[in-house]
Amino acid sequence: MTKTIIITGSTDGIGKLTALKLAKQGHTIYIHGRSEAKVSKVVSEIKEASNNQNIKGLVADFSDLEAVSKLAEQIKNDIPKIDILINNAGIFKTKDIQNKNGLDIRMVVNYLAPYVLTTAILPNIKISVAPRIINLSSAAQAPVIEAILIGKEQDSANSTYAQSKLALTMWSFNLAKQEPKITVIAVNPGSLLNTKMANEAYGQHWSPAEKGVDVLVDLALSEDYKNDSGKYFDNDKGDPKGYFSQAHPDAYDDLKIKNLVSMTNDLLNH
């Protein structure tokens, strides 16, 4: 049965490769990126490579939360039923540290944007019979500092990135509890995969990008994972494929999760 799948940040890296693999299986795929020209180019490439015409584009700069909200409205109107949302968009290296609202761009793109987008389009996801949300976490996870989250202070790229990925994981677990009909899984697709992000950040890679692609496709579609909501899949463990593992301890701390969600909502609502 074909599904309607949105993959954020899918104009390159494992997002693009995952979109291609899913397109070849005949699903309806929405490619997202921040540049209209690039999105159009990738949509055409994937249509041709997959022989699937049901490939469409979504454009929004995830460092701008107003743009994310606008995109969410567009999705709510244009895509009545969403079967799978893969929150893949992420950023590590950036020349501008802050967005126009003074928030750290890594925190915005990696955590706040998927939070805003997903929360807004939940009604359309819930219409699906067996919906899934796959959130791309990381092996790098560090306790979330309120001052960093709200843009009062700055930290190193590594630290902020790790905080944004733990925030995403904590919220994934919270969402899984709030929405029992949706399978929500956080995944570290693999450290230092051969992608633009890893190569720009570290100048090297450990594993082919396909390792991450395969696990994303599996988590999105395989019946094996339908009862694994609220878990963290670590693709660094095991070979060729990882397994469910423990995330950072803060991801299991109800009080810390409650505080994070409360801080996030305060930040987004003011």
Protein backbone atom coordinates (compact mmCIF):
# COMPACT_ATOMS: atom_id res chain seq x y z
CA MET A 1 0.00 0.00 0.00
CA THR A 2 1.47 3.32 -0.99
CA LYS A 3 1.85 6.04 1.58
CA THR A 4 2.09 9.82 1.64
CA ILE A 5 5.47 10.76 3.10
CA ILE A 6 6.99 14.13 3.98
CA ILE A 7 10.76 14.27 4.45
CA THR A 8 12.19 17.54 5.69
CA GLY A 9 15.66 18.58 4.57
CA SER A 10 15.55 16.23 1.61
CA THR A 11 17.39 18.13 -1.11
CA ASP A 12 20.66 16.40 -0.23
CA GLY A 13 22.27 13.93 2.18
CA ILE A 14 20.38 10.99 3.61
CA GLY A 15 17.11 12.91 3.28
CA LYS A 16 17.44 12.94 -0.51
CA LEU A 17 18.62 9.33 -0.70
CA THR A 18 15.76 8.20 1.55
CA ALA A 19 13.28 10.11 -0.64
CA LEU A 20 14.67 8.36 -3.72
CA LYS A 21 14.45 4.90 -2.17
CA LEU A 22 10.86 5.49 -1.01
CA ALA A 23 9.94 7.01 -4.39
CA LYS A 24 11.18 3.85 -6.13
CA GLN A 25 8.72 1.89 -3.96
CA GLY A 26 5.89 3.97 -5.41
CA HIS A 27 5.02 6.20 -2.45
CA THR A 28 3.93 9.83 -2.76
CA ILE A 29 6.89 11.87 -1.55
CA TYR A 30 7.12 15.50 -0.51
CA ILE A 31 10.65 16.87 -0.83
CA HIS A 32 11.44 19.82 1.42
CA GLY A 33 14.23 22.37 1.22
CA ARG A 34 14.84 26.06 1.73
CA SER A 35 15.61 26.93 -1.90
CA GLU A 36 12.79 26.75 -4.41
CA ALA A 37 15.21 26.18 -7.28
CA LYS A 38 16.94 23.31 -5.50
CA VAL A 39 13.66 21.69 -4.42
CA SER A 40 12.37 21.81 -8.03
CA LYS A 41 15.62 20.32 -9.31
CA VAL A 42 15.53 17.44 -6.80
CA VAL A 43 11.82 16.77 -7.47
CA SER A 44 12.63 16.42 -11.20
CA GLU A 45 15.68 14.23 -10.52
CA ILE A 46 13.73 11.87 -8.26
CA LYS A 47 10.76 11.67 -10.65
CA GLU A 48 13.12 10.62 -13.40
CA ALA A 49 15.27 8.24 -11.34
CA SER A 50 12.28 6.52 -9.70
CA ASN A 51 9.84 6.58 -12.59
CA ASN A 52 7.32 7.95 -10.07
CA GLN A 53 5.43 11.14 -10.88
CA ASN A 54 3.99 11.53 -7.36
CA ILE A 55 6.89 13.64 -6.13
CA LYS A 56 6.16 17.15 -4.92
CA GLY A 57 8.06 20.01 -3.36
CA LEU A 58 7.74 22.03 -0.16
CA VAL A 59 9.80 25.17 0.40
CA ALA A 60 10.60 26.82 3.75
CA ASP A 61 13.69 28.08 5.53
CA PHE A 62 13.69 26.13 8.80
CA SER A 63 15.79 28.80 10.54
CA ASP A 64 12.74 31.08 10.28
CA LEU A 65 9.89 29.82 12.47
CA GLU A 66 7.36 32.09 10.76
CA ALA A 67 8.22 30.39 7.47
CA VAL A 68 7.79 27.00 9.18
CA SER A 69 4.32 28.02 10.43
CA LYS A 70 3.37 29.17 6.93
CA LEU A 71 4.54 25.85 5.50
CA ALA A 72 2.49 24.01 8.13
CA GLU A 73 -0.64 25.93 7.05
CA GLN A 74 0.07 25.06 3.42
CA ILE A 75 0.50 21.36 4.33
CA LYS A 76 -2.72 21.35 6.38
CA ASN A 77 -4.63 22.65 3.37
CA ASP A 78 -2.90 20.71 0.59
CA ILE A 79 -2.13 17.29 2.09
CA PRO A 80 -5.25 16.03 3.88
CA LYS A 81 -3.65 12.78 5.06
CA ILE A 82 -0.01 12.30 6.00
CA ASP A 83 1.09 8.72 6.70
CA ILE A 84 4.72 9.35 7.55
CA LEU A 85 6.67 12.44 8.59
CA ILE A 86 10.45 12.15 8.69
CA ASN A 87 11.92 15.14 10.53
CA ASN A 88 15.34 14.94 8.92
CA ALA A 89 16.30 18.60 8.39
CA GLY A 90 19.34 19.40 10.51
CA ILE A 91 22.27 21.76 10.67
CA PHE A 92 25.65 21.61 12.38
CA LYS A 93 27.94 24.16 10.73
CA THR A 94 26.47 27.55 9.99
CA LYS A 95 28.03 30.91 9.20
CA ASP A 96 25.22 32.78 10.96
CA ILE A 97 24.93 31.60 14.54
CA GLN A 98 21.60 33.29 15.24
CA ASN A 99 18.38 33.74 13.30
CA LYS A 100 16.54 37.05 12.99
CA ASN A 101 14.89 36.48 16.40
CA GLY A 102 18.24 35.98 18.15
CA LEU A 103 17.85 32.21 18.56
CA ASP A 104 20.67 29.80 17.82
CA ILE A 105 20.09 28.46 14.31
CA ARG A 106 21.04 24.91 15.30
CA MET A 107 18.44 24.93 18.06
CA VAL A 108 15.85 26.34 15.65
CA VAL A 109 16.45 24.02 12.68
CA ASN A 110 17.13 20.83 14.67
CA TYR A 111 14.46 21.15 17.36
CA LEU A 112 12.10 24.14 17.29
CA ALA A 113 11.22 23.89 13.58
CA PRO A 114 10.24 20.20 13.69
CA TYR A 115 8.34 20.90 16.92
CA VAL A 116 6.37 23.73 15.29
CA LEU A 117 5.76 21.86 12.05
CA THR A 118 4.75 18.55 13.60
CA THR A 119 2.48 20.06 16.24
CA ALA A 120 0.65 22.10 13.60
CA ILE A 121 0.07 19.21 11.19
CA LEU A 122 -0.86 16.55 13.79
CA PRO A 123 -4.55 16.58 12.72
CA ASN A 124 -3.54 15.52 9.19
CA ILE A 125 -1.18 12.84 10.53
CA LYS A 126 -3.88 11.41 12.79
CA ILE A 127 -6.13 10.78 9.79
CA SER A 128 -3.73 8.06 8.66
CA VAL A 129 -4.56 4.50 9.75
CA ALA A 130 -1.04 3.78 11.04
CA PRO A 131 0.86 7.06 11.12
CA ARG A 132 4.54 7.37 12.00
CA ILE A 133 6.83 10.23 12.91
CA ILE A 134 10.55 9.55 12.64
CA ASN A 135 12.74 12.19 14.32
CA LEU A 136 16.43 12.30 13.49
CA SER A 137 18.39 12.44 16.68
CA SER A 138 22.14 11.88 17.05
CA ALA A 139 24.69 10.06 19.17
CA ALA A 140 25.58 13.57 20.36
CA GLN A 141 23.12 14.45 23.14
CA ALA A 142 23.73 16.97 25.93
CA PRO A 143 21.51 18.42 28.69
CA VAL A 144 19.42 21.31 27.41
CA ILE A 145 20.37 24.66 28.99
CA GLU A 146 17.47 27.11 29.10
CA ALA A 147 19.66 30.14 28.27
CA ILE A 148 20.86 28.40 25.10
CA LEU A 149 17.36 27.29 24.11
CA ILE A 150 15.92 30.81 24.42
CA GLY A 151 18.92 32.55 22.83
CA LYS A 152 20.18 34.37 25.96
CA GLU A 153 23.59 32.71 25.77
CA GLN A 154 25.73 31.01 23.14
CA ASP A 155 27.69 27.80 23.36
CA SER A 156 30.05 25.91 21.04
CA ALA A 157 28.68 24.35 17.85
CA ASN A 158 29.20 20.85 19.25
CA SER A 159 27.42 21.59 22.51
CA THR A 160 24.47 23.41 20.95
CA TYR A 161 24.04 20.70 18.34
CA ALA A 162 24.05 18.02 21.06
CA GLN A 163 21.52 20.00 23.14
CA SER A 164 19.22 20.42 20.13
CA LYS A 165 19.31 16.68 19.44
CA LEU A 166 18.55 15.75 23.05
CA ALA A 167 15.67 18.28 23.04
CA LEU A 168 14.29 16.59 19.92
CA THR A 169 14.60 13.16 21.55
CA MET A 170 12.91 14.27 24.80
CA TRP A 171 10.06 15.83 22.85
CA SER A 172 9.75 12.63 20.71
CA PHE A 173 9.20 10.58 23.85
CA ASN A 174 6.69 13.12 25.14
CA LEU A 175 4.80 13.14 21.83
CA ALA A 176 4.66 9.33 21.83
CA LYS A 177 2.89 9.44 25.21
CA GLN A 178 0.53 12.24 24.16
CA GLU A 179 -0.40 10.62 20.84
CA PRO A 180 -0.77 6.86 21.42
CA LYS A 181 -2.17 6.33 17.91
CA ILE A 182 1.04 7.65 16.28
CA THR A 183 4.27 5.65 16.29
CA VAL A 184 6.99 8.17 17.18
CA ILE A 185 10.59 6.99 17.01
CA ALA A 186 13.81 8.95 17.56
CA VAL A 187 16.79 7.61 15.64
CA ASN A 188 20.50 8.19 15.43
CA PRO A 189 20.89 7.19 11.76
CA GLY A 190 24.61 6.63 12.25
CA SER A 191 27.54 8.82 13.18
CA LEU A 192 29.68 10.39 10.46
CA LEU A 193 27.79 8.99 7.51
CA ASN A 194 29.07 10.07 4.11
CA THR A 195 26.95 13.22 3.86
CA LYS A 196 27.61 16.88 3.21
CA MET A 197 26.95 17.72 6.87
CA ALA A 198 29.49 15.24 8.28
CA ASN A 199 32.10 16.05 5.66
CA GLU A 200 31.73 19.81 6.20
CA ALA A 201 31.85 19.43 9.98
CA TYR A 202 34.59 16.80 10.34
CA GLY A 203 36.17 16.39 6.91
CA GLN A 204 35.65 12.63 7.10
CA HIS A 205 33.07 9.86 7.34
CA TRP A 206 32.92 6.39 8.87
CA SER A 207 30.06 4.71 7.03
CA PRO A 208 28.25 5.05 3.70
CA ALA A 209 25.15 7.24 3.72
CA GLU A 210 23.09 4.18 2.71
CA LYS A 211 23.45 2.81 6.26
CA GLY A 212 21.30 5.73 7.45
CA VAL A 213 18.92 5.53 4.51
CA ASP A 214 18.16 1.85 5.07
CA VAL A 215 17.29 2.36 8.73
CA LEU A 216 15.05 5.37 7.98
CA VAL A 217 13.10 3.43 5.34
CA ASP A 218 12.79 0.49 7.73
CA LEU A 219 11.61 2.57 10.68
CA ALA A 220 9.14 4.41 8.46
CA LEU A 221 7.56 1.35 6.85
CA SER A 222 8.39 -1.96 8.45
CA GLU A 223 5.70 -3.70 10.47
CA ASP A 224 8.49 -4.79 12.86
CA TYR A 225 8.48 -1.32 14.45
CA LYS A 226 4.78 -0.60 14.82
CA ASN A 227 4.89 -1.21 18.59
CA ASP A 228 8.10 0.71 19.26
CA SER A 229 6.72 4.19 19.81
CA GLY A 230 8.59 6.31 22.32
CA LYS A 231 11.92 4.57 21.78
CA TYR A 232 15.38 5.55 20.57
CA PHE A 233 17.02 3.56 17.78
CA ASP A 234 20.82 3.74 17.73
CA ASN A 235 22.22 2.82 14.34
CA ASP A 236 25.81 3.05 15.62
CA LYS A 237 25.16 -0.15 17.54
CA GLY A 238 25.37 -3.37 15.58
CA ASP A 239 26.30 -3.99 11.96
CA PRO A 240 24.88 -3.66 9.34
CA LYS A 241 21.94 -2.38 11.38
CA GLY A 242 21.59 -0.97 14.87
CA TYR A 243 18.98 -1.60 17.53
CA PHE A 244 16.88 0.16 20.15
CA SER A 245 19.07 1.51 22.90
CA GLN A 246 19.13 4.03 25.74
CA ALA A 247 19.14 7.70 24.85
CA HIS A 248 20.56 10.30 27.26
CA PRO A 249 19.13 9.84 30.81
CA ASP A 250 17.33 13.22 30.58
CA ALA A 251 15.08 11.73 27.89
CA TYR A 252 13.51 9.50 30.58
CA ASP A 253 13.14 12.23 33.21
CA ASP A 254 9.48 13.27 33.24
CA LEU A 255 10.14 16.50 35.10
CA LYS A 256 12.90 17.58 32.71
CA ILE A 257 10.70 16.73 29.73
CA LYS A 258 7.80 18.70 31.23
CA ASN A 259 10.12 21.69 31.80
CA LEU A 260 11.47 21.48 28.26
CA VAL A 261 7.99 21.42 26.70
CA SER A 262 6.89 24.27 28.93
CA MET A 263 9.98 26.40 28.04
CA THR A 264 9.48 25.58 24.37
CA ASN A 265 5.83 26.63 24.39
CA ASP A 266 6.65 29.84 26.29
CA LEU A 267 9.34 30.65 23.74
CA LEU A 268 7.08 29.96 20.76
CA ASN A 269 4.09 31.81 22.16
CA HIS A 270 5.65 35.10 23.11
